[in-house]
Amino acid sequence: MPFARNFSLRWHTNYIKSSVQCAAIKRSTMKTEAQQIISTHVSWAVAAGLLPVPLLDFGLVTAVQLDMVHQLCSAYGVSYTQSEAKTRVIAVMGGMTPRLMSSVIKVLPVIGTLGGLVAMPVLSGASTYAVGQTLAKHFEEGGNLENFEISKFTEFYRQMQAKGKDLSQLFADQMRAGRDMATLADIERLHNEGIISNEEYDNIKKRWNDKAKITIVID
């Protein structure tokens, strides 16, 4: 009987260890996937911010962030619906944007239209990064869209804004390395991923081409 008791104890101990290890691996996998989702959408948001189409970039950034939230929910197994809870989350996050814009403008010596072209990619990317990291942290702690409260993550959100500005600036510099603005390839990528509708895609191309014609005439 002592042998049976020892065997049973070892079995339970090994089972617990195995369960803990599986849970740790699962958490690590989810976190890795979440970081990939966030990084991808930050790059999309920066590309949207580089578009030479007034006001259009704001709509695209919102669409990018909504898609990111959807994918994060999928990665963490959190329910995602067109509910009041989701609308509240996006509204609260959007309310943080003016604060971020103020901080960006303070550190960038830009004005007018030029200021918008320089600041918007960083603003768009940093906002997206902060939204993604904050929601990922909330989901990792067992939360969902229904019980999310931005007031509990105010300091964390601000820290993520700062990190997001650095990452977004890096993405923006890389995108500008070979060109002054985002190209149609960036727009096509967003379109292929379903972020931009067919109608929006056609409208962007038309306005892009019109701008290109005007630029050629001026040059």
N, C-alpha and C. Protein backbone atom coordinates (compact mmCIF):
# COMPACT_ATOMS: atom_id res chain seq x y z
N MET A 1 0.81 -1.22 0.00
CA MET A 1 0.00 0.00 0.00
C MET A 1 0.84 1.28 0.00
N PRO A 2 1.97 1.30 0.74
CA PRO A 2 2.81 2.50 0.69
C PRO A 2 3.23 2.81 -0.74
N PHE A 3 3.51 1.73 -1.51
CA PHE A 3 3.92 1.92 -2.91
C PHE A 3 2.81 2.60 -3.70
N ALA A 4 1.56 2.12 -3.47
CA ALA A 4 0.42 2.70 -4.17
C ALA A 4 0.23 4.16 -3.80
N ARG A 5 0.40 4.47 -2.50
CA ARG A 5 0.24 5.87 -2.08
C ARG A 5 1.31 6.75 -2.69
N ASN A 6 2.55 6.25 -2.71
CA ASN A 6 3.65 7.01 -3.30
C ASN A 6 3.46 7.22 -4.80
N PHE A 7 2.98 6.16 -5.46
CA PHE A 7 2.74 6.26 -6.90
C PHE A 7 1.66 7.30 -7.19
N SER A 8 0.58 7.26 -6.38
CA SER A 8 -0.52 8.20 -6.56
C SER A 8 -0.05 9.63 -6.30
N LEU A 9 0.79 9.82 -5.28
CA LEU A 9 1.30 11.15 -4.96
C LEU A 9 2.17 11.68 -6.09
N ARG A 10 3.06 10.78 -6.61
CA ARG A 10 3.92 11.20 -7.71
C ARG A 10 3.09 11.55 -8.94
N TRP A 11 2.05 10.75 -9.19
CA TRP A 11 1.20 10.99 -10.37
C TRP A 11 0.52 12.34 -10.28
N HIS A 12 -0.03 12.64 -9.08
CA HIS A 12 -0.70 13.93 -8.89
C HIS A 12 0.29 15.08 -8.99
N THR A 13 1.48 14.89 -8.45
CA THR A 13 2.51 15.93 -8.50
C THR A 13 2.91 16.21 -9.94
N ASN A 14 3.16 15.13 -10.69
CA ASN A 14 3.55 15.29 -12.09
C ASN A 14 2.42 15.92 -12.91
N TYR A 15 1.19 15.54 -12.57
CA TYR A 15 0.03 16.08 -13.30
C TYR A 15 -0.07 17.59 -13.06
N ILE A 16 0.14 18.01 -11.82
CA ILE A 16 0.07 19.42 -11.49
C ILE A 16 1.18 20.19 -12.21
N LYS A 17 2.41 19.62 -12.17
CA LYS A 17 3.54 20.26 -12.84
C LYS A 17 3.27 20.38 -14.33
N SER A 18 2.73 19.31 -14.93
CA SER A 18 2.44 19.31 -16.36
C SER A 18 1.38 20.37 -16.70
N SER A 19 0.38 20.48 -15.85
CA SER A 19 -0.69 21.45 -16.07
C SER A 19 -0.16 22.87 -15.99
N VAL A 20 0.71 23.10 -15.00
CA VAL A 20 1.30 24.42 -14.83
C VAL A 20 2.16 24.78 -16.03
N GLN A 21 2.95 23.80 -16.50
CA GLN A 21 3.81 24.04 -17.65
C GLN A 21 2.99 24.32 -18.91
N CYS A 22 1.92 23.56 -19.10
CA CYS A 22 1.05 23.77 -20.27
C CYS A 22 0.42 25.15 -20.23
N ALA A 23 -0.01 25.56 -19.03
CA ALA A 23 -0.63 26.88 -18.88
C ALA A 23 0.38 27.98 -19.18
N ALA A 24 1.63 27.78 -18.73
CA ALA A 24 2.68 28.78 -18.96
C ALA A 24 3.00 28.88 -20.44
N ILE A 25 3.06 27.74 -21.12
CA ILE A 25 3.33 27.72 -22.56
C ILE A 25 2.20 28.41 -23.31
N LYS A 26 0.96 28.14 -22.90
CA LYS A 26 -0.19 28.75 -23.54
C LYS A 26 -0.16 30.26 -23.39
N ARG A 27 0.16 30.74 -22.16
CA ARG A 27 0.24 32.17 -21.93
C ARG A 27 1.34 32.80 -22.76
N SER A 28 2.48 32.12 -22.85
CA SER A 28 3.60 32.63 -23.62
C SER A 28 3.24 32.71 -25.11
N THR A 29 2.54 31.69 -25.59
CA THR A 29 2.13 31.67 -27.00
C THR A 29 1.15 32.80 -27.30
N MET A 30 0.19 32.99 -26.41
CA MET A 30 -0.79 34.06 -26.60
C MET A 30 -0.12 35.43 -26.59
N LYS A 31 0.84 35.59 -25.66
CA LYS A 31 1.54 36.87 -25.55
C LYS A 31 2.36 37.15 -26.80
N THR A 32 3.03 36.12 -27.33
CA THR A 32 3.81 36.28 -28.55
C THR A 32 2.92 36.66 -29.72
N GLU A 33 1.79 35.97 -29.83
CA GLU A 33 0.85 36.27 -30.91
C GLU A 33 0.30 37.69 -30.77
N ALA A 34 0.00 38.08 -29.55
CA ALA A 34 -0.53 39.42 -29.30
C ALA A 34 0.47 40.50 -29.71
N GLN A 35 1.75 40.28 -29.39
CA GLN A 35 2.77 41.26 -29.75
C GLN A 35 2.94 41.37 -31.25
N GLN A 36 2.80 40.25 -31.95
CA GLN A 36 2.88 40.28 -33.41
C GLN A 36 1.70 41.04 -33.99
N ILE A 37 0.51 40.82 -33.43
CA ILE A 37 -0.69 41.51 -33.88
C ILE A 37 -0.53 43.02 -33.68
N ILE A 38 -0.05 43.41 -32.50
CA ILE A 38 0.11 44.83 -32.19
C ILE A 38 1.14 45.47 -33.11
N SER A 39 2.28 44.82 -33.29
CA SER A 39 3.34 45.38 -34.14
C SER A 39 2.86 45.57 -35.57
N THR A 40 2.14 44.58 -36.09
CA THR A 40 1.63 44.66 -37.46
C THR A 40 0.68 45.84 -37.61
N HIS A 41 -0.22 46.00 -36.64
CA HIS A 41 -1.21 47.07 -36.74
C HIS A 41 -0.61 48.45 -36.48
N VAL A 42 0.46 48.51 -35.70
CA VAL A 42 1.16 49.78 -35.52
C VAL A 42 1.75 50.22 -36.86
N SER A 43 2.35 49.28 -37.58
CA SER A 43 2.93 49.62 -38.89
C SER A 43 1.85 50.07 -39.86
N TRP A 44 0.68 49.45 -39.81
CA TRP A 44 -0.44 49.86 -40.66
C TRP A 44 -0.90 51.26 -40.29
N ALA A 45 -0.97 51.54 -38.99
CA ALA A 45 -1.42 52.85 -38.52
C ALA A 45 -0.45 53.94 -38.96
N VAL A 46 0.85 53.64 -38.89
CA VAL A 46 1.86 54.59 -39.34
C VAL A 46 1.71 54.84 -40.84
N ALA A 47 1.49 53.76 -41.59
CA ALA A 47 1.31 53.90 -43.04
C ALA A 47 0.07 54.76 -43.34
N ALA A 48 -0.99 54.55 -42.57
CA ALA A 48 -2.21 55.35 -42.75
C ALA A 48 -1.92 56.82 -42.44
N GLY A 49 -1.10 57.05 -41.42
CA GLY A 49 -0.76 58.42 -41.05
C GLY A 49 0.10 59.12 -42.09
N LEU A 50 0.77 58.35 -42.94
CA LEU A 50 1.61 58.92 -43.99
C LEU A 50 0.84 59.25 -45.26
N LEU A 51 -0.40 58.81 -45.33
CA LEU A 51 -1.20 59.06 -46.53
C LEU A 51 -1.42 60.56 -46.73
N PRO A 52 -1.20 61.06 -47.95
CA PRO A 52 -1.39 62.50 -48.22
C PRO A 52 -2.84 62.84 -48.53
N VAL A 53 -3.75 62.32 -47.74
CA VAL A 53 -5.18 62.57 -47.93
C VAL A 53 -5.76 63.13 -46.64
N PRO A 54 -6.11 64.41 -46.60
CA PRO A 54 -6.60 65.04 -45.37
C PRO A 54 -7.77 64.29 -44.74
N LEU A 55 -7.71 64.11 -43.43
CA LEU A 55 -8.75 63.49 -42.60
C LEU A 55 -8.95 62.00 -42.85
N LEU A 56 -8.55 61.51 -44.02
CA LEU A 56 -8.77 60.10 -44.31
C LEU A 56 -7.98 59.22 -43.36
N ASP A 57 -6.78 59.69 -42.97
CA ASP A 57 -5.94 58.87 -42.10
C ASP A 57 -6.60 58.58 -40.76
N PHE A 58 -7.41 59.52 -40.24
CA PHE A 58 -8.09 59.28 -38.96
C PHE A 58 -9.05 58.10 -39.07
N GLY A 59 -9.82 58.05 -40.16
CA GLY A 59 -10.75 56.95 -40.36
C GLY A 59 -10.03 55.63 -40.51
N LEU A 60 -8.91 55.63 -41.21
CA LEU A 60 -8.15 54.40 -41.43
C LEU A 60 -7.54 53.91 -40.12
N VAL A 61 -7.03 54.83 -39.32
CA VAL A 61 -6.43 54.44 -38.04
C VAL A 61 -7.48 53.81 -37.14
N THR A 62 -8.68 54.37 -37.14
CA THR A 62 -9.77 53.80 -36.35
C THR A 62 -10.08 52.38 -36.82
N ALA A 63 -10.13 52.20 -38.14
CA ALA A 63 -10.40 50.88 -38.71
C ALA A 63 -9.30 49.89 -38.35
N VAL A 64 -8.05 50.36 -38.39
CA VAL A 64 -6.91 49.52 -38.03
C VAL A 64 -7.01 49.09 -36.57
N GLN A 65 -7.35 50.02 -35.69
CA GLN A 65 -7.43 49.70 -34.26
C GLN A 65 -8.58 48.74 -33.98
N LEU A 66 -9.70 48.91 -34.66
CA LEU A 66 -10.82 47.98 -34.48
C LEU A 66 -10.43 46.58 -34.91
N ASP A 67 -9.71 46.48 -36.02
CA ASP A 67 -9.26 45.17 -36.49
C ASP A 67 -8.28 44.55 -35.50
N MET A 68 -7.41 45.38 -34.93
CA MET A 68 -6.44 44.90 -33.94
C MET A 68 -7.16 44.36 -32.71
N VAL A 69 -8.18 45.08 -32.23
CA VAL A 69 -8.94 44.63 -31.07
C VAL A 69 -9.60 43.29 -31.37
N HIS A 70 -10.14 43.16 -32.57
CA HIS A 70 -10.79 41.91 -32.97
C HIS A 70 -9.80 40.75 -32.93
N GLN A 71 -8.61 40.96 -33.47
CA GLN A 71 -7.60 39.90 -33.50
C GLN A 71 -7.07 39.58 -32.11
N LEU A 72 -6.93 40.60 -31.26
CA LEU A 72 -6.47 40.36 -29.89
C LEU A 72 -7.51 39.54 -29.12
N CYS A 73 -8.78 39.85 -29.34
CA CYS A 73 -9.84 39.08 -28.69
C CYS A 73 -9.77 37.62 -29.12
N SER A 74 -9.51 37.41 -30.40
CA SER A 74 -9.41 36.05 -30.92
C SER A 74 -8.21 35.32 -30.31
N ALA A 75 -7.09 36.03 -30.18
CA ALA A 75 -5.87 35.42 -29.62
C ALA A 75 -6.05 35.01 -28.17
N TYR A 76 -6.80 35.80 -27.40
CA TYR A 76 -6.99 35.53 -25.98
C TYR A 76 -8.30 34.80 -25.69
N GLY A 77 -9.04 34.48 -26.74
CA GLY A 77 -10.30 33.76 -26.53
C GLY A 77 -11.36 34.62 -25.87
N VAL A 78 -11.32 35.92 -26.12
CA VAL A 78 -12.29 36.85 -25.55
C VAL A 78 -13.39 37.14 -26.56
N SER A 79 -14.62 37.18 -26.10
CA SER A 79 -15.76 37.44 -26.98
C SER A 79 -15.68 38.83 -27.60
N TYR A 80 -15.91 38.91 -28.90
CA TYR A 80 -15.89 40.18 -29.62
C TYR A 80 -17.19 40.33 -30.37
N THR A 81 -17.96 41.35 -30.03
CA THR A 81 -19.23 41.62 -30.70
C THR A 81 -19.38 43.12 -30.91
N GLN A 82 -20.29 43.46 -31.80
CA GLN A 82 -20.60 44.87 -32.03
C GLN A 82 -21.50 45.35 -30.90
N SER A 83 -20.94 45.43 -29.73
CA SER A 83 -21.72 45.74 -28.53
C SER A 83 -21.40 47.13 -28.00
N GLU A 84 -22.19 47.54 -27.03
CA GLU A 84 -21.96 48.84 -26.39
C GLU A 84 -20.63 48.83 -25.65
N ALA A 85 -20.25 47.65 -25.16
CA ALA A 85 -18.99 47.55 -24.43
C ALA A 85 -17.81 47.87 -25.35
N LYS A 86 -17.83 47.30 -26.56
CA LYS A 86 -16.74 47.55 -27.50
C LYS A 86 -16.72 49.02 -27.90
N THR A 87 -17.89 49.58 -28.14
CA THR A 87 -17.98 50.98 -28.51
C THR A 87 -17.43 51.86 -27.40
N ARG A 88 -17.70 51.49 -26.14
CA ARG A 88 -17.22 52.27 -25.01
C ARG A 88 -15.69 52.21 -24.93
N VAL A 89 -15.12 51.03 -25.18
CA VAL A 89 -13.67 50.89 -25.13
C VAL A 89 -13.01 51.78 -26.17
N ILE A 90 -13.49 51.73 -27.40
CA ILE A 90 -12.91 52.53 -28.47
C ILE A 90 -13.08 54.01 -28.18
N ALA A 91 -14.23 54.40 -27.64
CA ALA A 91 -14.49 55.80 -27.33
C ALA A 91 -13.53 56.30 -26.25
N VAL A 92 -13.30 55.48 -25.22
CA VAL A 92 -12.40 55.87 -24.14
C VAL A 92 -10.98 56.01 -24.66
N MET A 93 -10.55 55.04 -25.49
CA MET A 93 -9.21 55.11 -26.05
C MET A 93 -9.06 56.34 -26.93
N GLY A 94 -10.11 56.61 -27.72
CA GLY A 94 -10.06 57.77 -28.59
C GLY A 94 -9.95 59.06 -27.80
N GLY A 95 -10.52 59.07 -26.60
CA GLY A 95 -10.45 60.25 -25.77
C GLY A 95 -9.05 60.56 -25.30
N MET A 96 -8.15 59.56 -25.34
CA MET A 96 -6.78 59.77 -24.91
C MET A 96 -5.95 60.42 -26.02
N THR A 97 -6.45 60.38 -27.27
CA THR A 97 -5.68 60.86 -28.41
C THR A 97 -5.28 62.32 -28.32
N PRO A 98 -6.18 63.24 -27.92
CA PRO A 98 -5.77 64.64 -27.82
C PRO A 98 -4.58 64.84 -26.90
N ARG A 99 -4.51 64.07 -25.81
CA ARG A 99 -3.37 64.20 -24.89
C ARG A 99 -2.09 63.78 -25.59
N LEU A 100 -2.19 62.70 -26.35
CA LEU A 100 -1.00 62.22 -27.05
C LEU A 100 -0.60 63.22 -28.12
N MET A 101 -1.58 63.82 -28.83
CA MET A 101 -1.27 64.80 -29.85
C MET A 101 -0.51 65.97 -29.25
N SER A 102 -0.93 66.43 -28.06
CA SER A 102 -0.27 67.54 -27.39
C SER A 102 1.18 67.21 -27.08
N SER A 103 1.42 65.98 -26.60
CA SER A 103 2.79 65.58 -26.24
C SER A 103 3.65 65.44 -27.47
N VAL A 104 3.06 64.97 -28.58
CA VAL A 104 3.81 64.83 -29.83
C VAL A 104 4.20 66.19 -30.38
N ILE A 105 3.23 67.12 -30.40
CA ILE A 105 3.48 68.45 -30.95
C ILE A 105 4.58 69.17 -30.17
N LYS A 106 4.64 68.94 -28.85
CA LYS A 106 5.63 69.61 -28.02
C LYS A 106 7.05 69.21 -28.38
N VAL A 107 7.24 67.97 -28.82
CA VAL A 107 8.60 67.50 -29.08
C VAL A 107 8.97 67.55 -30.55
N LEU A 108 8.01 67.94 -31.41
CA LEU A 108 8.29 68.01 -32.84
C LEU A 108 8.22 69.46 -33.31
N PRO A 109 9.31 70.02 -33.83
CA PRO A 109 9.33 71.41 -34.28
C PRO A 109 8.65 71.55 -35.64
N VAL A 110 7.32 71.41 -35.67
CA VAL A 110 6.61 71.46 -36.93
C VAL A 110 5.37 72.33 -36.79
N ILE A 111 4.90 72.88 -37.91
CA ILE A 111 3.72 73.71 -37.89
C ILE A 111 2.89 73.45 -39.14
N GLY A 112 1.60 73.84 -39.06
CA GLY A 112 0.73 73.76 -40.22
C GLY A 112 0.63 72.38 -40.82
N THR A 113 0.47 72.36 -42.15
CA THR A 113 0.33 71.10 -42.87
C THR A 113 1.55 70.22 -42.70
N LEU A 114 2.73 70.82 -42.72
CA LEU A 114 3.96 70.05 -42.53
C LEU A 114 3.95 69.37 -41.18
N GLY A 115 3.45 70.09 -40.17
CA GLY A 115 3.37 69.52 -38.83
C GLY A 115 2.48 68.30 -38.82
N GLY A 116 1.35 68.38 -39.51
CA GLY A 116 0.44 67.25 -39.55
C GLY A 116 1.06 66.06 -40.22
N LEU A 117 1.79 66.29 -41.30
CA LEU A 117 2.41 65.19 -42.04
C LEU A 117 3.49 64.49 -41.21
N VAL A 118 4.19 65.27 -40.39
CA VAL A 118 5.25 64.70 -39.57
C VAL A 118 4.69 64.03 -38.33
N ALA A 119 3.72 64.68 -37.68
CA ALA A 119 3.22 64.19 -36.40
C ALA A 119 2.21 63.06 -36.54
N MET A 120 1.41 63.07 -37.60
CA MET A 120 0.32 62.11 -37.70
C MET A 120 0.78 60.66 -37.68
N PRO A 121 1.82 60.26 -38.42
CA PRO A 121 2.26 58.86 -38.38
C PRO A 121 2.65 58.42 -36.96
N VAL A 122 3.35 59.29 -36.23
CA VAL A 122 3.78 58.97 -34.87
C VAL A 122 2.57 58.90 -33.94
N LEU A 123 1.67 59.84 -34.08
CA LEU A 123 0.45 59.86 -33.28
C LEU A 123 -0.38 58.61 -33.53
N SER A 124 -0.56 58.28 -34.80
CA SER A 124 -1.37 57.11 -35.18
C SER A 124 -0.77 55.82 -34.63
N GLY A 125 0.53 55.66 -34.82
CA GLY A 125 1.19 54.44 -34.37
C GLY A 125 1.24 54.32 -32.86
N ALA A 126 1.56 55.42 -32.18
CA ALA A 126 1.66 55.39 -30.72
C ALA A 126 0.31 55.10 -30.08
N SER A 127 -0.74 55.70 -30.63
CA SER A 127 -2.09 55.46 -30.11
C SER A 127 -2.47 53.99 -30.28
N THR A 128 -2.17 53.45 -31.45
CA THR A 128 -2.49 52.04 -31.72
C THR A 128 -1.70 51.12 -30.80
N TYR A 129 -0.42 51.42 -30.59
CA TYR A 129 0.42 50.61 -29.71
C TYR A 129 -0.12 50.63 -28.28
N ALA A 130 -0.49 51.81 -27.79
CA ALA A 130 -0.99 51.94 -26.43
C ALA A 130 -2.32 51.20 -26.26
N VAL A 131 -3.19 51.31 -27.25
CA VAL A 131 -4.47 50.59 -27.21
C VAL A 131 -4.23 49.09 -27.14
N GLY A 132 -3.36 48.60 -28.03
CA GLY A 132 -3.09 47.17 -28.10
C GLY A 132 -2.46 46.62 -26.83
N GLN A 133 -1.44 47.29 -26.32
CA GLN A 133 -0.75 46.81 -25.12
C GLN A 133 -1.66 46.85 -23.90
N THR A 134 -2.49 47.88 -23.80
CA THR A 134 -3.38 48.00 -22.65
C THR A 134 -4.43 46.90 -22.65
N LEU A 135 -5.02 46.65 -23.80
CA LEU A 135 -6.02 45.59 -23.89
C LEU A 135 -5.39 44.22 -23.70
N ALA A 136 -4.18 44.02 -24.24
CA ALA A 136 -3.49 42.74 -24.06
C ALA A 136 -3.24 42.47 -22.58
N LYS A 137 -2.81 43.48 -21.85
CA LYS A 137 -2.57 43.33 -20.41
C LYS A 137 -3.87 42.99 -19.69
N HIS A 138 -4.94 43.67 -20.07
CA HIS A 138 -6.25 43.42 -19.45
C HIS A 138 -6.71 41.99 -19.73
N PHE A 139 -6.53 41.52 -20.96
CA PHE A 139 -6.94 40.17 -21.32
C PHE A 139 -6.08 39.13 -20.60
N GLU A 140 -4.78 39.41 -20.47
CA GLU A 140 -3.89 38.48 -19.78
C GLU A 140 -4.29 38.31 -18.31
N GLU A 141 -4.88 39.34 -17.76
CA GLU A 141 -5.32 39.29 -16.36
C GLU A 141 -6.71 38.71 -16.21
N GLY A 142 -7.24 38.18 -17.33
CA GLY A 142 -8.55 37.53 -17.28
C GLY A 142 -9.73 38.42 -17.59
N GLY A 143 -9.46 39.65 -18.02
CA GLY A 143 -10.53 40.57 -18.33
C GLY A 143 -11.12 40.38 -19.71
N ASN A 144 -12.17 41.12 -20.00
CA ASN A 144 -12.80 41.09 -21.32
C ASN A 144 -13.25 42.50 -21.68
N LEU A 145 -13.91 42.64 -22.82
CA LEU A 145 -14.33 43.97 -23.25
C LEU A 145 -15.41 44.55 -22.34
N GLU A 146 -16.22 43.69 -21.79
CA GLU A 146 -17.34 44.15 -20.96
C GLU A 146 -16.88 44.81 -19.67
N ASN A 147 -15.80 44.28 -19.06
CA ASN A 147 -15.38 44.81 -17.76
C ASN A 147 -14.12 45.68 -17.84
N PHE A 148 -13.78 46.12 -19.05
CA PHE A 148 -12.59 46.97 -19.19
C PHE A 148 -12.87 48.39 -18.72
N GLU A 149 -11.95 48.92 -17.90
CA GLU A 149 -12.05 50.29 -17.39
C GLU A 149 -10.70 50.96 -17.56
N ILE A 150 -10.65 51.98 -18.42
CA ILE A 150 -9.38 52.65 -18.72
C ILE A 150 -8.77 53.29 -17.48
N SER A 151 -9.61 53.68 -16.50
CA SER A 151 -9.11 54.33 -15.29
C SER A 151 -8.12 53.46 -14.51
N LYS A 152 -8.23 52.15 -14.70
CA LYS A 152 -7.34 51.23 -14.00
C LYS A 152 -5.98 51.11 -14.71
N PHE A 153 -5.90 51.64 -15.92
CA PHE A 153 -4.68 51.47 -16.71
C PHE A 153 -4.10 52.80 -17.17
N THR A 154 -4.49 53.90 -16.53
CA THR A 154 -4.07 55.23 -16.97
C THR A 154 -2.55 55.36 -17.05
N GLU A 155 -1.85 55.00 -15.99
CA GLU A 155 -0.39 55.14 -15.97
C GLU A 155 0.25 54.18 -16.97
N PHE A 156 -0.25 52.95 -17.03
CA PHE A 156 0.29 51.98 -17.97
C PHE A 156 0.09 52.47 -19.40
N TYR A 157 -1.09 53.01 -19.67
CA TYR A 157 -1.40 53.53 -21.01
C TYR A 157 -0.41 54.63 -21.41
N ARG A 158 -0.11 55.53 -20.48
CA ARG A 158 0.84 56.61 -20.77
C ARG A 158 2.24 56.07 -21.04
N GLN A 159 2.63 55.05 -20.28
CA GLN A 159 3.94 54.42 -20.51
C GLN A 159 4.00 53.79 -21.90
N MET A 160 2.90 53.16 -22.30
CA MET A 160 2.85 52.54 -23.62
C MET A 160 2.84 53.58 -24.73
N GLN A 161 2.27 54.75 -24.46
CA GLN A 161 2.31 55.84 -25.43
C GLN A 161 3.75 56.22 -25.74
N ALA A 162 4.55 56.35 -24.68
CA ALA A 162 5.95 56.74 -24.84
C ALA A 162 6.70 55.70 -25.66
N LYS A 163 6.52 54.43 -25.33
CA LYS A 163 7.18 53.37 -26.08
C LYS A 163 6.65 53.33 -27.51
N GLY A 164 5.35 53.55 -27.65
CA GLY A 164 4.74 53.52 -28.97
C GLY A 164 5.25 54.62 -29.88
N LYS A 165 5.57 55.79 -29.31
CA LYS A 165 6.11 56.88 -30.12
C LYS A 165 7.47 56.50 -30.69
N ASP A 166 8.29 55.86 -29.89
CA ASP A 166 9.61 55.44 -30.37
C ASP A 166 9.49 54.41 -31.50
N LEU A 167 8.63 53.41 -31.29
CA LEU A 167 8.45 52.38 -32.30
C LEU A 167 7.86 52.97 -33.57
N SER A 168 6.89 53.85 -33.42
CA SER A 168 6.23 54.46 -34.57
C SER A 168 7.20 55.34 -35.36
N GLN A 169 8.06 56.05 -34.65
CA GLN A 169 9.05 56.87 -35.32
C GLN A 169 10.00 56.01 -36.13
N LEU A 170 10.35 54.84 -35.58
CA LEU A 170 11.22 53.91 -36.29
C LEU A 170 10.54 53.41 -37.56
N PHE A 171 9.28 53.01 -37.45
CA PHE A 171 8.53 52.56 -38.61
C PHE A 171 8.43 53.67 -39.66
N ALA A 172 8.14 54.88 -39.20
CA ALA A 172 7.98 56.01 -40.12
C ALA A 172 9.29 56.30 -40.85
N ASP A 173 10.40 56.26 -40.12
CA ASP A 173 11.71 56.50 -40.74
C ASP A 173 12.02 55.44 -41.78
N GLN A 174 11.68 54.19 -41.47
CA GLN A 174 11.93 53.11 -42.41
C GLN A 174 11.09 53.27 -43.67
N MET A 175 9.83 53.69 -43.48
CA MET A 175 8.94 53.87 -44.62
C MET A 175 9.36 55.05 -45.48
N ARG A 176 9.98 56.06 -44.85
CA ARG A 176 10.42 57.23 -45.60
C ARG A 176 11.79 57.02 -46.24
N ALA A 177 12.47 55.95 -45.85
CA ALA A 177 13.83 55.71 -46.32
C ALA A 177 13.91 55.67 -47.84
N GLY A 178 12.91 55.02 -48.45
CA GLY A 178 12.93 54.89 -49.90
C GLY A 178 11.93 55.78 -50.62
N ARG A 179 11.18 56.57 -49.85
CA ARG A 179 10.18 57.43 -50.47
C ARG A 179 9.74 58.47 -49.45
N ASP A 180 9.12 59.53 -49.93
CA ASP A 180 8.68 60.60 -49.04
C ASP A 180 7.35 60.29 -48.38
N MET A 181 6.55 59.47 -49.04
CA MET A 181 5.23 59.13 -48.50
C MET A 181 4.97 57.64 -48.65
N ALA A 182 3.92 57.17 -47.99
CA ALA A 182 3.51 55.78 -48.17
C ALA A 182 3.08 55.58 -49.62
N THR A 183 3.36 54.44 -50.19
CA THR A 183 3.01 54.17 -51.57
C THR A 183 1.69 53.44 -51.66
N LEU A 184 1.24 53.23 -52.89
CA LEU A 184 0.00 52.50 -53.10
C LEU A 184 0.12 51.07 -52.59
N ALA A 185 1.34 50.56 -52.48
CA ALA A 185 1.52 49.20 -51.95
C ALA A 185 0.99 49.11 -50.52
N ASP A 186 1.19 50.17 -49.73
CA ASP A 186 0.69 50.19 -48.36
C ASP A 186 -0.84 50.17 -48.35
N ILE A 187 -1.42 50.95 -49.26
CA ILE A 187 -2.88 51.01 -49.35
C ILE A 187 -3.43 49.67 -49.80
N GLU A 188 -2.77 49.04 -50.77
CA GLU A 188 -3.22 47.74 -51.26
C GLU A 188 -3.15 46.68 -50.17
N ARG A 189 -2.13 46.77 -49.32
CA ARG A 189 -2.01 45.81 -48.23
C ARG A 189 -3.19 45.94 -47.27
N LEU A 190 -3.55 47.18 -46.93
CA LEU A 190 -4.69 47.41 -46.05
C LEU A 190 -5.98 46.93 -46.71
N HIS A 191 -6.07 47.13 -48.01
CA HIS A 191 -7.25 46.70 -48.76
C HIS A 191 -7.35 45.18 -48.79
N ASN A 192 -6.24 44.51 -49.04
CA ASN A 192 -6.23 43.05 -49.10
C ASN A 192 -6.54 42.41 -47.75
N GLU A 193 -6.20 43.11 -46.68
CA GLU A 193 -6.47 42.60 -45.34
C GLU A 193 -7.90 42.92 -44.88
N GLY A 194 -8.64 43.63 -45.74
CA GLY A 194 -10.02 43.94 -45.40
C GLY A 194 -10.18 45.16 -44.52
N ILE A 195 -9.11 45.91 -44.31
CA ILE A 195 -9.18 47.10 -43.47
C ILE A 195 -9.87 48.23 -44.23
N ILE A 196 -9.63 48.27 -45.53
CA ILE A 196 -10.23 49.29 -46.39
C ILE A 196 -11.22 48.62 -47.33
N SER A 197 -12.41 49.19 -47.45
CA SER A 197 -13.43 48.64 -48.34
C SER A 197 -13.07 48.93 -49.80
N ASN A 198 -13.73 48.26 -50.73
CA ASN A 198 -13.47 48.48 -52.16
C ASN A 198 -13.74 49.93 -52.54
N GLU A 199 -14.82 50.49 -52.00
CA GLU A 199 -15.17 51.87 -52.32
C GLU A 199 -14.11 52.84 -51.80
N GLU A 200 -13.66 52.61 -50.56
CA GLU A 200 -12.63 53.47 -49.98
C GLU A 200 -11.32 53.34 -50.76
N TYR A 201 -11.01 52.11 -51.17
CA TYR A 201 -9.77 51.86 -51.91
C TYR A 201 -9.78 52.61 -53.24
N ASP A 202 -10.89 52.55 -53.97
CA ASP A 202 -10.99 53.25 -55.25
C ASP A 202 -10.90 54.76 -55.06
N ASN A 203 -11.53 55.25 -53.98
CA ASN A 203 -11.51 56.68 -53.70
C ASN A 203 -10.10 57.16 -53.36
N ILE A 204 -9.38 56.36 -52.58
CA ILE A 204 -8.01 56.72 -52.21
C ILE A 204 -7.12 56.76 -53.45
N LYS A 205 -7.24 55.76 -54.31
CA LYS A 205 -6.41 55.72 -55.52
C LYS A 205 -6.68 56.93 -56.41
N LYS A 206 -7.95 57.29 -56.53
CA LYS A 206 -8.31 58.44 -57.37
C LYS A 206 -7.70 59.72 -56.83
N ARG A 207 -7.86 59.93 -55.51
CA ARG A 207 -7.34 61.15 -54.91
C ARG A 207 -5.81 61.15 -54.92
N TRP A 208 -5.22 59.96 -54.77
CA TRP A 208 -3.76 59.84 -54.83
C TRP A 208 -3.26 60.24 -56.22
N ASN A 209 -3.92 59.71 -57.26
CA ASN A 209 -3.52 60.01 -58.63
C ASN A 209 -3.71 61.49 -58.95
N ASP A 210 -4.81 62.07 -58.45
CA ASP A 210 -5.05 63.50 -58.67
C ASP A 210 -3.94 64.34 -58.05
N LYS A 211 -3.52 63.92 -56.84
CA LYS A 211 -2.44 64.65 -56.16
C LYS A 211 -1.14 64.52 -56.93
N ALA A 212 -0.89 63.31 -57.47
CA ALA A 212 0.34 63.07 -58.23
C ALA A 212 0.38 63.97 -59.47
N LYS A 213 -0.76 64.13 -60.14
CA LYS A 213 -0.83 64.98 -61.33
C LYS A 213 -0.52 66.42 -60.99
N ILE A 214 -1.09 66.88 -59.85
CA ILE A 214 -0.86 68.26 -59.43
C ILE A 214 0.61 68.47 -59.09
N THR A 215 1.20 67.49 -58.42
CA THR A 215 2.61 67.59 -58.05
C THR A 215 3.51 67.69 -59.28
N ILE A 216 3.18 66.90 -60.30
CA ILE A 216 3.98 66.90 -61.52
C ILE A 216 3.91 68.27 -62.20
N VAL A 217 2.73 68.87 -62.23
CA VAL A 217 2.55 70.17 -62.85
C VAL A 217 3.37 71.23 -62.12
N ILE A 218 3.33 71.18 -60.80
CA ILE A 218 4.07 72.16 -60.00
C ILE A 218 5.57 72.02 -60.22
N ASP A 219 6.04 70.77 -60.25
CA ASP A 219 7.48 70.54 -60.46
C ASP A 219 7.90 71.02 -61.84
